[in-house]
Amino acid sequence: MWKRKLIGASIFILCAASLSVTAFASSDHYHSTGFGNSAKYLKYWKDSSISSYGYTGYADSAVSAWNNISSNLAVSEVSSTPTYGGIVAYTGDSLTGLDVYGVVDYWTYGLFGWTQVNPDDQRDRARVRFDHANLGKLDSKGTTYAFSHEFGHAVGLKHNNSGVSSVMRDTSIVWEDNKPQQADKEHIKEKYGN
């Protein structure tokens, strides 16, 4: 009987410890797990569509703006699609059913290939897709904002509509804040450490 109580108590303690770690790791500004430790070695690859639509400079500049804000977040460009620890970027004429400049979704790779996961889950890839039809309505500042914003999601940040300067705003956007602002950098450091 005492073995059952000991096992039950052990399971309770493990569950409680797990919940407290999860609660501590969560934030209003970033997704809790994401790339995990592999964010220090992220690979960035852009499809030829980025170049063919004329967005190479915007994409490269946006990735560079997020790179090395934390010593635990480093992104290097590669010439072929990465399987693990990667950010892949595409551009198309429209994202079916969406009226946005871009979207990010998250994927893990396993025994049966790619599986889409929730933003707070462990991931192997962030896929960034840009909508040329909507980007074409923006000037250079707006396009820079859109690319920086979506790559901010790719590295794990959520929207930040708190009223401070932030490239992660999706309401009351200030197009001049089109690179990571101080609040964005602080949120990256909260997530990944200094």
C-alpha atoms as a PDB file:
ATOM      1  CA  MET A   1       0.000   0.000   0.000  1.00  0.00           C
ATOM      2  CA  TRP A   2       2.776   2.445   0.874  1.00  0.00           C
ATOM      3  CA  LYS A   3       4.343   1.809  -2.572  1.00  0.00           C
ATOM      4  CA  ARG A   4       1.134   2.994  -4.260  1.00  0.00           C
ATOM      5  CA  LYS A   5       1.077   6.131  -2.114  1.00  0.00           C
ATOM      6  CA  LEU A   6       4.750   6.778  -2.865  1.00  0.00           C
ATOM      7  CA  ILE A   7       4.205   6.306  -6.593  1.00  0.00           C
ATOM      8  CA  GLY A   8       1.084   8.513  -6.506  1.00  0.00           C
ATOM      9  CA  ALA A   9       2.929  11.217  -4.579  1.00  0.00           C
ATOM     10  CA  SER A  10       5.863  11.035  -6.996  1.00  0.00           C
ATOM     11  CA  ILE A  11       3.588  11.394  -9.995  1.00  0.00           C
ATOM     12  CA  PHE A  12       1.838  14.352  -8.351  1.00  0.00           C
ATOM     13  CA  ILE A  13       5.170  16.085  -7.639  1.00  0.00           C
ATOM     14  CA  LEU A  14       6.410  15.514 -11.206  1.00  0.00           C
ATOM     15  CA  CYS A  15       3.163  16.876 -12.660  1.00  0.00           C
ATOM     16  CA  ALA A  16       3.247  19.912 -10.374  1.00  0.00           C
ATOM     17  CA  ALA A  17       6.901  20.585 -11.245  1.00  0.00           C
ATOM     18  CA  SER A  18       6.093  20.289 -14.926  1.00  0.00           C
ATOM     19  CA  LEU A  19       3.220  22.750 -14.625  1.00  0.00           C
ATOM     20  CA  SER A  20       5.306  25.285 -12.719  1.00  0.00           C
ATOM     21  CA  VAL A  21       8.085  25.161 -15.331  1.00  0.00           C
ATOM     22  CA  THR A  22       5.541  25.631 -18.124  1.00  0.00           C
ATOM     23  CA  ALA A  23       3.904  28.555 -16.329  1.00  0.00           C
ATOM     24  CA  PHE A  24       7.275  30.180 -15.715  1.00  0.00           C
ATOM     25  CA  ALA A  25       8.345  29.776 -19.349  1.00  0.00           C
ATOM     26  CA  SER A  26       5.229  31.359 -20.827  1.00  0.00           C
ATOM     27  CA  SER A  27       5.021  35.018 -21.755  1.00  0.00           C
ATOM     28  CA  ASP A  28       2.591  37.442 -23.306  1.00  0.00           C
ATOM     29  CA  HIS A  29       5.289  38.431 -25.798  1.00  0.00           C
ATOM     30  CA  TYR A  30       6.730  35.170 -27.107  1.00  0.00           C
ATOM     31  CA  HIS A  31       5.888  31.535 -27.698  1.00  0.00           C
ATOM     32  CA  SER A  32       7.161  29.349 -24.896  1.00  0.00           C
ATOM     33  CA  THR A  33       9.113  26.551 -26.616  1.00  0.00           C
ATOM     34  CA  GLY A  34       9.743  27.083 -30.307  1.00  0.00           C
ATOM     35  CA  PHE A  35      13.160  26.058 -31.593  1.00  0.00           C
ATOM     36  CA  GLY A  36      14.447  25.335 -28.107  1.00  0.00           C
ATOM     37  CA  ASN A  37      18.234  25.124 -27.906  1.00  0.00           C
ATOM     38  CA  SER A  38      18.647  24.940 -31.685  1.00  0.00           C
ATOM     39  CA  ALA A  39      17.842  28.677 -32.039  1.00  0.00           C
ATOM     40  CA  LYS A  40      21.551  29.265 -31.579  1.00  0.00           C
ATOM     41  CA  TYR A  41      22.146  27.538 -34.937  1.00  0.00           C
ATOM     42  CA  LEU A  42      19.162  28.515 -37.101  1.00  0.00           C
ATOM     43  CA  LYS A  43      19.434  28.162 -40.854  1.00  0.00           C
ATOM     44  CA  TYR A  44      17.674  30.630 -43.144  1.00  0.00           C
ATOM     45  CA  TRP A  45      16.744  29.679 -46.699  1.00  0.00           C
ATOM     46  CA  LYS A  46      14.757  31.701 -49.206  1.00  0.00           C
ATOM     47  CA  ASP A  47      12.904  30.221 -52.139  1.00  0.00           C
ATOM     48  CA  SER A  48      13.620  31.651 -55.599  1.00  0.00           C
ATOM     49  CA  SER A  49      10.192  33.334 -55.407  1.00  0.00           C
ATOM     50  CA  ILE A  50      11.647  35.889 -52.972  1.00  0.00           C
ATOM     51  CA  SER A  51      14.104  36.985 -55.652  1.00  0.00           C
ATOM     52  CA  SER A  52      11.681  36.760 -58.574  1.00  0.00           C
ATOM     53  CA  TYR A  53       9.259  39.138 -56.824  1.00  0.00           C
ATOM     54  CA  GLY A  54      12.108  41.512 -55.924  1.00  0.00           C
ATOM     55  CA  TYR A  55      12.144  41.002 -52.152  1.00  0.00           C
ATOM     56  CA  THR A  56      15.662  39.640 -51.586  1.00  0.00           C
ATOM     57  CA  GLY A  57      16.913  42.813 -49.898  1.00  0.00           C
ATOM     58  CA  TYR A  58      13.866  43.022 -47.634  1.00  0.00           C
ATOM     59  CA  ALA A  59      14.122  39.393 -46.572  1.00  0.00           C
ATOM     60  CA  ASP A  60      17.864  39.463 -45.947  1.00  0.00           C
ATOM     61  CA  SER A  61      17.644  42.758 -44.065  1.00  0.00           C
ATOM     62  CA  ALA A  62      14.811  41.472 -41.872  1.00  0.00           C
ATOM     63  CA  VAL A  63      16.684  38.293 -40.938  1.00  0.00           C
ATOM     64  CA  SER A  64      19.809  40.313 -40.230  1.00  0.00           C
ATOM     65  CA  ALA A  65      17.842  42.660 -37.951  1.00  0.00           C
ATOM     66  CA  TRP A  66      16.833  39.766 -35.654  1.00  0.00           C
ATOM     67  CA  ASN A  67      20.174  37.970 -35.815  1.00  0.00           C
ATOM     68  CA  ASN A  68      22.314  37.956 -32.651  1.00  0.00           C
ATOM     69  CA  ILE A  69      20.049  40.139 -30.502  1.00  0.00           C
ATOM     70  CA  SER A  70      20.651  37.317 -28.040  1.00  0.00           C
ATOM     71  CA  SER A  71      23.776  35.172 -27.949  1.00  0.00           C
ATOM     72  CA  ASN A  72      21.362  32.210 -28.086  1.00  0.00           C
ATOM     73  CA  LEU A  73      19.708  33.332 -31.337  1.00  0.00           C
ATOM     74  CA  ALA A  74      21.914  33.139 -34.408  1.00  0.00           C
ATOM     75  CA  VAL A  75      20.745  32.793 -38.000  1.00  0.00           C
ATOM     76  CA  SER A  76      22.928  31.930 -40.984  1.00  0.00           C
ATOM     77  CA  GLU A  77      21.834  31.704 -44.603  1.00  0.00           C
ATOM     78  CA  VAL A  78      22.116  28.369 -46.407  1.00  0.00           C
ATOM     79  CA  SER A  79      21.737  27.465 -50.073  1.00  0.00           C
ATOM     80  CA  SER A  80      19.422  24.465 -49.677  1.00  0.00           C
ATOM     81  CA  THR A  81      16.277  23.826 -47.671  1.00  0.00           C
ATOM     82  CA  PRO A  82      17.203  22.918 -44.071  1.00  0.00           C
ATOM     83  CA  THR A  83      15.427  20.061 -42.341  1.00  0.00           C
ATOM     84  CA  TYR A  84      16.118  20.988 -38.718  1.00  0.00           C
ATOM     85  CA  GLY A  85      16.371  24.406 -37.107  1.00  0.00           C
ATOM     86  CA  GLY A  86      15.315  26.311 -40.186  1.00  0.00           C
ATOM     87  CA  ILE A  87      13.409  29.356 -41.337  1.00  0.00           C
ATOM     88  CA  VAL A  88      12.203  29.077 -44.919  1.00  0.00           C
ATOM     89  CA  ALA A  89      10.701  32.004 -46.839  1.00  0.00           C
ATOM     90  CA  TYR A  90       8.443  32.159 -49.898  1.00  0.00           C
ATOM     91  CA  THR A  91       6.486  34.795 -51.816  1.00  0.00           C
ATOM     92  CA  GLY A  92       3.344  34.268 -53.885  1.00  0.00           C
ATOM     93  CA  ASP A  93       0.619  36.251 -55.584  1.00  0.00           C
ATOM     94  CA  SER A  94      -1.858  35.626 -52.798  1.00  0.00           C
ATOM     95  CA  LEU A  95      -2.436  33.613 -49.670  1.00  0.00           C
ATOM     96  CA  THR A  96      -5.766  31.957 -50.306  1.00  0.00           C
ATOM     97  CA  GLY A  97      -8.477  33.158 -47.954  1.00  0.00           C
ATOM     98  CA  LEU A  98      -6.187  35.575 -46.109  1.00  0.00           C
ATOM     99  CA  ASP A  99      -5.929  39.358 -46.408  1.00  0.00           C
ATOM    100  CA  VAL A 100      -2.463  39.766 -44.895  1.00  0.00           C
ATOM    101  CA  TYR A 101       1.076  40.732 -45.899  1.00  0.00           C
ATOM    102  CA  GLY A 102       2.474  37.435 -44.696  1.00  0.00           C
ATOM    103  CA  VAL A 103       1.947  34.464 -42.410  1.00  0.00           C
ATOM    104  CA  VAL A 104       4.153  32.159 -40.394  1.00  0.00           C
ATOM    105  CA  ASP A 105       3.418  28.567 -39.521  1.00  0.00           C
ATOM    106  CA  TYR A 106       5.464  26.015 -37.626  1.00  0.00           C
ATOM    107  CA  TRP A 107       6.461  22.441 -38.441  1.00  0.00           C
ATOM    108  CA  THR A 108       8.239  19.466 -36.927  1.00  0.00           C
ATOM    109  CA  TYR A 109       9.939  16.679 -38.848  1.00  0.00           C
ATOM    110  CA  GLY A 110       9.501  13.069 -37.821  1.00  0.00           C
ATOM    111  CA  LEU A 111       9.206   9.509 -38.972  1.00  0.00           C
ATOM    112  CA  PHE A 112       6.315  10.288 -41.322  1.00  0.00           C
ATOM    113  CA  GLY A 113       7.606  13.606 -42.685  1.00  0.00           C
ATOM    114  CA  TRP A 114       6.454  17.132 -41.857  1.00  0.00           C
ATOM    115  CA  THR A 115       3.681  17.822 -39.354  1.00  0.00           C
ATOM    116  CA  GLN A 116       2.329  21.282 -38.601  1.00  0.00           C
ATOM    117  CA  VAL A 117       2.447  22.197 -34.905  1.00  0.00           C
ATOM    118  CA  ASN A 118       1.044  24.929 -32.676  1.00  0.00           C
ATOM    119  CA  PRO A 119       3.099  28.094 -32.101  1.00  0.00           C
ATOM    120  CA  ASP A 120       4.008  27.059 -28.523  1.00  0.00           C
ATOM    121  CA  ASP A 121       5.201  23.575 -29.521  1.00  0.00           C
ATOM    122  CA  GLN A 122       8.736  22.411 -30.210  1.00  0.00           C
ATOM    123  CA  ARG A 123       9.486  22.990 -33.901  1.00  0.00           C
ATOM    124  CA  ASP A 124      12.073  22.193 -36.534  1.00  0.00           C
ATOM    125  CA  ARG A 125      10.963  24.808 -39.044  1.00  0.00           C
ATOM    126  CA  ALA A 126       9.205  28.137 -39.287  1.00  0.00           C
ATOM    127  CA  ARG A 127       7.719  28.748 -42.728  1.00  0.00           C
ATOM    128  CA  VAL A 128       7.242  32.388 -43.711  1.00  0.00           C
ATOM    129  CA  ARG A 129       4.963  33.084 -46.671  1.00  0.00           C
ATOM    130  CA  PHE A 130       4.542  36.592 -48.078  1.00  0.00           C
ATOM    131  CA  ASP A 131       1.620  37.847 -50.152  1.00  0.00           C
ATOM    132  CA  HIS A 132       2.853  39.902 -53.107  1.00  0.00           C
ATOM    133  CA  ALA A 133      -0.663  41.130 -53.956  1.00  0.00           C
ATOM    134  CA  ASN A 134      -0.884  42.896 -50.578  1.00  0.00           C
ATOM    135  CA  LEU A 135       2.807  43.823 -50.267  1.00  0.00           C
ATOM    136  CA  GLY A 136       2.492  45.610 -53.614  1.00  0.00           C
ATOM    137  CA  LYS A 137       0.202  48.166 -51.920  1.00  0.00           C
ATOM    138  CA  LEU A 138       2.938  49.213 -49.469  1.00  0.00           C
ATOM    139  CA  ASP A 139       5.806  51.650 -49.832  1.00  0.00           C
ATOM    140  CA  SER A 140       9.372  50.707 -48.870  1.00  0.00           C
ATOM    141  CA  LYS A 141       8.847  51.432 -45.145  1.00  0.00           C
ATOM    142  CA  GLY A 142       5.722  49.296 -45.067  1.00  0.00           C
ATOM    143  CA  THR A 143       7.378  46.422 -46.926  1.00  0.00           C
ATOM    144  CA  THR A 144      10.340  46.552 -44.547  1.00  0.00           C
ATOM    145  CA  TYR A 145       7.884  46.479 -41.632  1.00  0.00           C
ATOM    146  CA  ALA A 146       6.022  43.465 -43.050  1.00  0.00           C
ATOM    147  CA  PHE A 147       9.199  41.444 -43.551  1.00  0.00           C
ATOM    148  CA  SER A 148      10.651  42.342 -40.138  1.00  0.00           C
ATOM    149  CA  HIS A 149       7.310  41.591 -38.476  1.00  0.00           C
ATOM    150  CA  GLU A 150       6.925  38.134 -40.032  1.00  0.00           C
ATOM    151  CA  PHE A 151      10.515  37.135 -39.295  1.00  0.00           C
ATOM    152  CA  GLY A 152       9.872  38.253 -35.701  1.00  0.00           C
ATOM    153  CA  HIS A 153       7.115  35.622 -35.600  1.00  0.00           C
ATOM    154  CA  ALA A 154       9.507  33.101 -37.154  1.00  0.00           C
ATOM    155  CA  VAL A 155      11.930  33.527 -34.240  1.00  0.00           C
ATOM    156  CA  GLY A 156       9.089  33.169 -31.735  1.00  0.00           C
ATOM    157  CA  LEU A 157       7.568  36.551 -30.925  1.00  0.00           C
ATOM    158  CA  LYS A 158       3.846  37.223 -30.599  1.00  0.00           C
ATOM    159  CA  HIS A 159       2.036  40.438 -31.478  1.00  0.00           C
ATOM    160  CA  ASN A 160       2.780  43.377 -29.195  1.00  0.00           C
ATOM    161  CA  ASN A 161       0.001  45.960 -29.148  1.00  0.00           C
ATOM    162  CA  SER A 162       0.918  47.343 -25.728  1.00  0.00           C
ATOM    163  CA  GLY A 163       1.358  50.903 -26.997  1.00  0.00           C
ATOM    164  CA  VAL A 164       5.167  50.907 -27.030  1.00  0.00           C
ATOM    165  CA  SER A 165       7.227  51.122 -30.211  1.00  0.00           C
ATOM    166  CA  SER A 166       7.360  47.624 -31.671  1.00  0.00           C
ATOM    167  CA  VAL A 167       7.683  46.020 -35.076  1.00  0.00           C
ATOM    168  CA  MET A 168       5.438  43.264 -33.712  1.00  0.00           C
ATOM    169  CA  ARG A 169       2.334  45.481 -33.601  1.00  0.00           C
ATOM    170  CA  ASP A 170      -0.559  44.388 -35.796  1.00  0.00           C
ATOM    171  CA  THR A 171      -2.837  47.278 -34.856  1.00  0.00           C
ATOM    172  CA  SER A 172      -2.034  51.007 -34.848  1.00  0.00           C
ATOM    173  CA  ILE A 173       1.120  50.229 -36.808  1.00  0.00           C
ATOM    174  CA  VAL A 174       3.860  52.868 -36.960  1.00  0.00           C
ATOM    175  CA  TRP A 175       5.538  52.106 -40.292  1.00  0.00           C
ATOM    176  CA  GLU A 176       8.747  53.888 -39.231  1.00  0.00           C
ATOM    177  CA  ASP A 177       9.210  51.284 -36.458  1.00  0.00           C
ATOM    178  CA  ASN A 178      10.065  48.798 -39.189  1.00  0.00           C
ATOM    179  CA  LYS A 179      12.996  47.057 -37.510  1.00  0.00           C
ATOM    180  CA  PRO A 180      13.138  45.437 -34.059  1.00  0.00           C
ATOM    181  CA  GLN A 181      12.573  48.183 -31.490  1.00  0.00           C
ATOM    182  CA  GLN A 182      13.824  48.209 -27.891  1.00  0.00           C
ATOM    183  CA  ALA A 183      10.742  46.324 -26.644  1.00  0.00           C
ATOM    184  CA  ASP A 184      11.217  43.658 -29.330  1.00  0.00           C
ATOM    185  CA  LYS A 185      14.866  43.214 -28.390  1.00  0.00           C
ATOM    186  CA  GLU A 186      13.932  42.907 -24.720  1.00  0.00           C
ATOM    187  CA  HIS A 187      11.372  40.232 -25.570  1.00  0.00           C
ATOM    188  CA  ILE A 188      13.946  38.289 -27.573  1.00  0.00           C
ATOM    189  CA  LYS A 189      16.282  38.431 -24.572  1.00  0.00           C
ATOM    190  CA  GLU A 190      13.469  37.335 -22.245  1.00  0.00           C
ATOM    191  CA  LYS A 191      12.909  34.330 -24.479  1.00  0.00           C
ATOM    192  CA  TYR A 192      16.481  33.359 -25.326  1.00  0.00           C
ATOM    193  CA  GLY A 193      18.600  35.076 -22.638  1.00  0.00           C
ATOM    194  CA  ASN A 194      21.338  37.632 -23.219  1.00  0.00           C
END
